[in-house]
Protein backbone atom coordinates (compact mmCIF):
# COMPACT_ATOMS: atom_id res chain seq x y z
CA MET A 1 -46.11 23.65 -4.68
CA THR A 2 -47.62 20.86 -2.65
CA LEU A 3 -47.13 17.15 -2.09
CA LEU A 4 -50.46 15.34 -1.80
CA ALA A 5 -51.23 11.67 -1.16
CA THR A 6 -54.51 9.78 -0.93
CA TRP A 7 -54.67 6.29 0.51
CA VAL A 8 -57.06 3.70 1.89
CA GLY A 9 -56.94 1.54 4.98
CA VAL A 10 -58.38 -1.91 4.25
CA ASP A 11 -59.61 -4.49 6.74
CA ASN A 12 -61.05 -7.98 6.44
CA SER A 13 -64.74 -7.85 7.33
CA LYS A 14 -67.59 -10.26 6.75
CA PHE A 15 -67.72 -8.85 3.22
CA GLY A 16 -64.06 -9.68 2.58
CA TYR A 17 -61.28 -7.14 2.14
CA ARG A 18 -62.82 -3.68 1.90
CA PRO A 19 -61.59 -0.15 2.62
CA SER A 20 -62.55 0.97 6.11
CA ALA A 21 -61.09 4.47 5.71
CA ILE A 22 -59.82 6.84 3.08
CA TYR A 23 -57.40 9.69 3.77
CA ILE A 24 -56.03 12.76 2.02
CA THR A 25 -52.81 14.28 3.34
CA THR A 26 -50.68 17.20 2.19
CA ASP A 27 -47.89 19.37 3.49
CA SER A 28 -48.86 22.84 4.79
CA GLN A 29 -46.51 25.24 3.03
CA PHE A 30 -47.42 28.00 0.60
CA SER A 31 -44.55 29.41 -1.44
CA THR A 32 -43.86 31.96 -4.17
CA SER A 33 -41.43 32.03 -7.06
CA ILE A 34 -39.19 34.40 -5.08
CA LYS A 35 -38.97 31.85 -2.23
CA GLU A 36 -41.33 33.58 0.18
CA THR A 37 -43.11 30.99 2.31
CA PHE A 38 -46.05 30.62 4.69
CA SER A 39 -45.98 27.41 6.72
CA GLU A 40 -49.62 27.27 7.88
CA GLY A 41 -51.47 27.06 4.57
CA ARG A 42 -54.69 25.08 4.40
CA LYS A 43 -54.80 22.43 1.66
CA THR A 44 -57.28 19.85 3.00
CA PHE A 45 -60.98 20.24 3.73
CA ALA A 46 -63.68 18.15 5.41
CA MET A 47 -67.42 18.77 5.36
CA LEU A 48 -69.01 18.94 8.80
CA LYS A 49 -72.34 17.33 7.87
CA HIS A 50 -71.46 15.08 4.94
CA PRO A 51 -68.97 12.29 4.14
CA ASP A 52 -66.93 14.38 1.71
CA ILE A 53 -63.28 15.45 1.79
CA PHE A 54 -61.00 17.45 -0.50
CA GLY A 55 -57.32 18.14 -0.98
CA TYR A 56 -55.46 20.06 -3.65
CA CYS A 57 -52.06 20.82 -5.11
CA GLY A 58 -50.78 23.35 -7.62
CA ASP A 59 -52.43 26.77 -7.53
CA VAL A 60 -53.52 27.65 -3.99
CA LEU A 61 -55.92 30.59 -4.34
CA PHE A 62 -58.58 29.19 -6.66
CA PRO A 63 -58.97 25.77 -4.97
CA THR A 64 -59.09 27.36 -1.52
CA ILE A 65 -61.87 29.71 -2.64
CA VAL A 66 -64.04 27.24 -4.51
CA ILE A 67 -63.69 24.30 -2.08
CA GLY A 68 -64.56 26.56 0.84
CA GLN A 69 -67.65 27.78 -0.99
CA LEU A 70 -68.78 24.25 -1.86
CA ILE A 71 -68.42 23.12 1.75
CA ASP A 72 -70.42 26.10 3.04
CA GLU A 73 -73.20 25.35 0.54
CA ALA A 74 -73.28 21.65 1.35
CA ASP A 75 -73.27 22.07 5.12
CA ARG A 76 -76.19 24.48 4.81
CA GLY A 77 -78.17 22.02 2.72
CA LEU A 78 -77.84 24.00 -0.50
CA LEU A 79 -75.59 21.78 -2.64
CA PHE A 80 -76.79 18.17 -2.55
CA LYS A 81 -80.26 16.63 -2.55
CA SER A 82 -81.01 14.42 0.44
CA ASN A 83 -80.93 11.30 -1.76
CA CYS A 84 -78.04 12.41 -3.97
CA SER A 85 -76.05 9.52 -5.48
CA VAL A 86 -72.26 9.49 -5.53
CA GLU A 87 -72.28 10.08 -9.29
CA GLU A 88 -74.60 13.07 -8.88
CA LYS A 89 -72.44 14.52 -6.11
CA ALA A 90 -69.28 14.18 -8.18
CA SER A 91 -71.01 15.84 -11.14
CA ILE A 92 -72.24 18.74 -8.98
CA VAL A 93 -68.77 19.30 -7.54
CA PHE A 94 -67.09 19.07 -10.95
CA GLU A 95 -69.55 21.40 -12.69
CA ALA A 96 -69.15 23.98 -9.91
CA ILE A 97 -65.36 23.88 -10.25
CA LYS A 98 -65.49 23.94 -14.06
CA ASN A 99 -67.91 26.88 -14.10
CA ALA A 100 -65.87 28.84 -11.57
CA ILE A 101 -62.56 28.39 -13.41
CA SER A 102 -64.19 29.46 -16.68
CA VAL A 103 -64.80 32.96 -15.28
CA TYR A 104 -61.70 33.16 -13.09
CA PRO A 105 -58.85 35.39 -14.37
CA PRO A 106 -56.15 33.02 -15.72
CA SER A 107 -53.43 35.46 -14.70
CA TRP A 108 -54.42 34.94 -11.06
CA THR A 109 -53.52 31.25 -11.14
CA ALA A 110 -50.24 29.37 -10.96
CA GLY A 111 -51.19 27.69 -14.24
CA SER A 112 -52.60 24.37 -13.01
CA PHE A 113 -54.15 22.52 -10.10
CA VAL A 114 -55.34 19.09 -9.07
CA ILE A 115 -58.24 18.65 -6.64
CA VAL A 116 -58.85 15.23 -5.10
CA TYR A 117 -62.43 14.65 -3.96
CA CYS A 118 -63.46 11.61 -1.89
CA THR A 119 -66.93 10.61 -0.78
CA ARG A 120 -68.89 7.61 0.58
CA ASP A 121 -72.13 6.06 -0.63
CA VAL A 122 -75.07 4.62 1.34
CA GLU A 123 -73.47 1.15 1.19
CA LYS A 124 -70.44 2.57 3.04
CA VAL A 125 -68.26 2.24 -0.05
CA PHE A 126 -65.69 4.95 -0.76
CA HIS A 127 -65.18 6.74 -4.08
CA CYS A 128 -62.31 8.99 -5.16
CA TYR A 129 -62.17 11.52 -8.01
CA ARG A 130 -59.31 13.53 -9.48
CA ILE A 131 -60.21 16.92 -10.97
CA SER A 132 -57.42 18.63 -12.90
CA TRP A 133 -57.02 21.87 -14.83
CA ARG A 134 -54.24 23.52 -16.80
CA THR A 135 -54.09 26.93 -18.50
CA ARG A 136 -55.84 27.03 -21.89
CA THR A 137 -57.54 23.68 -21.29
CA GLU A 138 -60.86 22.66 -19.75
CA ALA A 139 -61.09 20.99 -16.37
CA VAL A 140 -61.16 17.17 -16.46
CA ILE A 141 -62.55 14.67 -13.95
CA GLU A 142 -61.63 11.00 -13.60
CA LYS A 143 -62.65 8.36 -11.09
CA LEU A 144 -59.67 6.65 -9.45
CA PRO A 145 -59.64 2.92 -8.67
CA LEU A 146 -59.14 1.95 -5.03
CA PRO A 147 -56.73 -0.85 -4.09
CA ASP A 148 -58.03 -3.99 -2.37
CA ARG A 149 -55.27 -3.76 0.25
CA SER A 150 -54.14 -0.82 2.37
CA GLY A 151 -52.12 1.48 0.14
CA LEU A 152 -51.83 4.50 -2.10
CA VAL A 153 -54.62 5.70 -4.34
CA THR A 154 -52.75 8.63 -5.87
CA VAL A 155 -49.75 10.91 -5.33
CA GLU A 156 -49.88 14.42 -6.77
CA GLY A 157 -47.84 17.58 -6.85
CA TYR A 158 -44.20 18.32 -6.15
CA ARG A 159 -41.91 15.58 -7.53
CA HIS A 160 -44.78 13.13 -7.16
CA LYS A 161 -43.27 10.50 -9.47
CA GLU A 162 -40.05 10.46 -7.46
CA ALA A 163 -41.98 10.30 -4.18
CA LYS A 164 -44.18 7.44 -5.36
CA GLN A 165 -41.18 5.49 -6.65
CA ARG A 166 -39.58 5.78 -3.22
CA PHE A 167 -42.75 4.47 -1.60
CA GLU A 168 -42.86 1.46 -3.91
CA SER A 169 -39.16 0.60 -3.55
CA GLU A 170 -38.62 1.26 0.18
CA TYR A 171 -41.99 1.07 1.95
CA ASN A 172 -44.34 -1.08 -0.10
CA VAL A 173 -42.06 -4.12 0.18
CA SER A 174 -42.27 -7.24 2.32
CA LYS A 175 -39.07 -6.44 4.26
CA ASN A 176 -40.75 -3.32 5.67
CA ASN A 177 -42.23 -4.09 9.10
CA ASN A 178 -45.39 -2.16 8.22
CA HIS A 179 -45.85 -3.48 4.69
CA GLY A 180 -49.52 -3.67 3.69
CA THR A 181 -50.77 -1.37 6.46
CA SER A 182 -52.33 2.06 6.37
CA ARG A 183 -49.63 3.50 8.60
CA THR A 184 -46.97 2.57 6.01
CA VAL A 185 -48.25 5.33 3.75
CA TYR A 186 -48.24 7.89 6.53
CA HIS A 187 -44.72 6.92 7.64
CA TRP A 188 -43.54 7.35 4.04
CA PHE A 189 -45.28 10.71 3.72
CA THR A 190 -43.98 12.22 6.97
CA GLU A 191 -40.46 10.94 6.36
CA THR A 192 -40.58 12.40 2.85
CA LEU A 193 -41.49 15.79 4.31
CA GLU A 194 -38.84 15.52 7.01
CA GLY A 195 -36.14 14.69 4.47
CA ASN A 196 -37.11 17.39 2.01
CA THR A 197 -34.89 20.45 1.64
CA ALA A 198 -36.83 22.32 -1.06
CA TYR A 199 -38.54 25.52 0.04
CA GLN A 200 -41.75 24.57 -1.78
CA ILE A 201 -42.64 21.80 0.69
CA GLY A 202 -43.29 22.17 4.42
CA LYS A 203 -42.51 19.79 7.28
CA VAL A 204 -45.92 19.54 8.97
CA PRO A 205 -48.62 17.42 7.32
CA GLN A 206 -52.39 17.82 7.51
CA ILE A 207 -54.99 15.08 7.08
CA VAL A 208 -58.69 14.68 6.41
CA ALA A 209 -60.44 11.32 6.58
CA LEU A 210 -63.60 9.38 5.92
CA TYR A 211 -64.55 6.30 7.91
CA ARG A 212 -67.41 3.90 7.30
CA ASN A 213 -69.65 5.89 9.62
CA GLY A 214 -70.18 9.54 10.40
CA PRO A 215 -69.27 12.77 8.62
CA ALA A 216 -65.83 13.68 7.36
CA ARG A 217 -63.05 14.42 9.84
CA ALA A 218 -60.14 16.81 9.98
CA ILE A 219 -57.48 14.96 11.98
CA GLY A 220 -55.22 16.85 14.35
CA ILE A 221 -51.46 16.35 14.02
CA ILE A 222 -48.92 16.16 16.84
CA SER A 223 -45.50 17.18 15.57
CA ASN A 224 -42.56 17.86 17.92
CA ASN A 225 -45.06 18.04 20.81
CA GLU A 226 -47.00 20.81 19.08
CA ARG A 227 -50.59 20.55 17.87
CA PHE A 228 -51.76 21.38 14.35
CA ILE A 229 -55.03 21.09 12.48
CA SER A 230 -55.58 22.01 8.81
CA GLY A 231 -51.99 23.24 8.81
CA ARG A 232 -52.46 25.76 11.62
CA LYS A 233 -50.79 25.52 15.02
CA VAL A 234 -53.37 25.06 17.78
CA THR A 235 -52.56 27.15 20.87
CA SER A 236 -55.82 26.80 22.79
CA ILE A 237 -56.31 23.84 25.14
CA GLU A 238 -60.11 23.96 24.98
CA ASN A 239 -61.96 20.86 23.74
CA LEU A 240 -58.82 19.28 22.34
CA ASN A 241 -60.10 15.75 22.69
CA PHE A 242 -63.20 16.51 20.64
CA VAL A 243 -60.80 15.98 17.71
CA GLU A 244 -59.00 12.82 16.62
CA TRP A 245 -55.22 13.30 16.94
CA ARG A 246 -52.33 11.38 15.42
CA ASN A 247 -48.57 11.62 15.85
CA GLU A 248 -45.83 11.12 13.26
CA LEU A 249 -46.20 7.32 13.56
CA PHE A 250 -49.95 7.55 12.96
CA GLU A 251 -50.58 6.54 16.56
CA ARG A 252 -53.73 7.83 18.24
CA TYR A 253 -52.78 10.60 20.64
CA ASP A 254 -54.12 12.44 23.66
CA ALA A 255 -53.61 16.08 22.69
CA VAL A 256 -54.07 17.32 26.27
CA LYS A 257 -51.48 15.07 27.91
CA LEU A 258 -49.35 14.81 24.75
CA LYS A 259 -49.02 11.07 25.00
CA LEU A 260 -50.56 7.98 23.44
CA LEU A 261 -54.18 7.32 24.26
CA GLU A 262 -54.44 4.51 26.79
CA ALA A 263 -56.20 2.21 24.30
CA ALA A 264 -53.99 3.19 21.35
CA GLN A 265 -51.98 0.54 19.55
CA ARG A 266 -48.30 1.33 19.15
CA GLN A 267 -47.18 1.56 15.53
CA PRO A 268 -43.51 0.66 14.97
CA ARG A 269 -41.39 2.25 12.26
């Protein structure tokens, strides 16, 4: 299983309150019904040349295969037209997933999955889609509304209703010091992982992001003074600061010196 959350960070620009970033985060654990686990599973994906990100929960094999293929096609200029609209992109992604699952052996799946797909249009507006499938049904796509303040877009996967209720009752309240900020969601997510005792969910998160400018980003995670990206522990020290890094408080981090960046703003609990 997987716990997945998507959220937006909203700022007040000359256009009023608008999302300045959208994120997908998951845990990094794969598990089986006999409690075998692998703690460095990849569940989030970011295109290198386009403003498109993905995350999934449920079955792990099919989404990993098809999302990887879509990203390879797109980054080689084979998936989207140069002037492709957001609606056209979402349709292309959905049709590819629907066609692939129609010929995929059902017995190879865990029975269901949810794929969250986020993109950005030429006006620098974000869009988020939820693609779901369950055995003996067709895949379904729906566009998700984005909040006008920093906060959750969707929570999916393992005990998602319970996790979301905890966010609303303990984090998304005025008495919380970080209420109404993007970091509130990340604090809730990491603390949910830390407090979890079920074997299905891992402790280390992974994140992909879209900002108003530039292609998608896979964000590096600092956890217990160790570096991770896309769920995998990073052992090399080459080019570390070519990547954006965040710690468990969502503070911007120097992955070489393992300390806050000099210009980083501290983010209290």
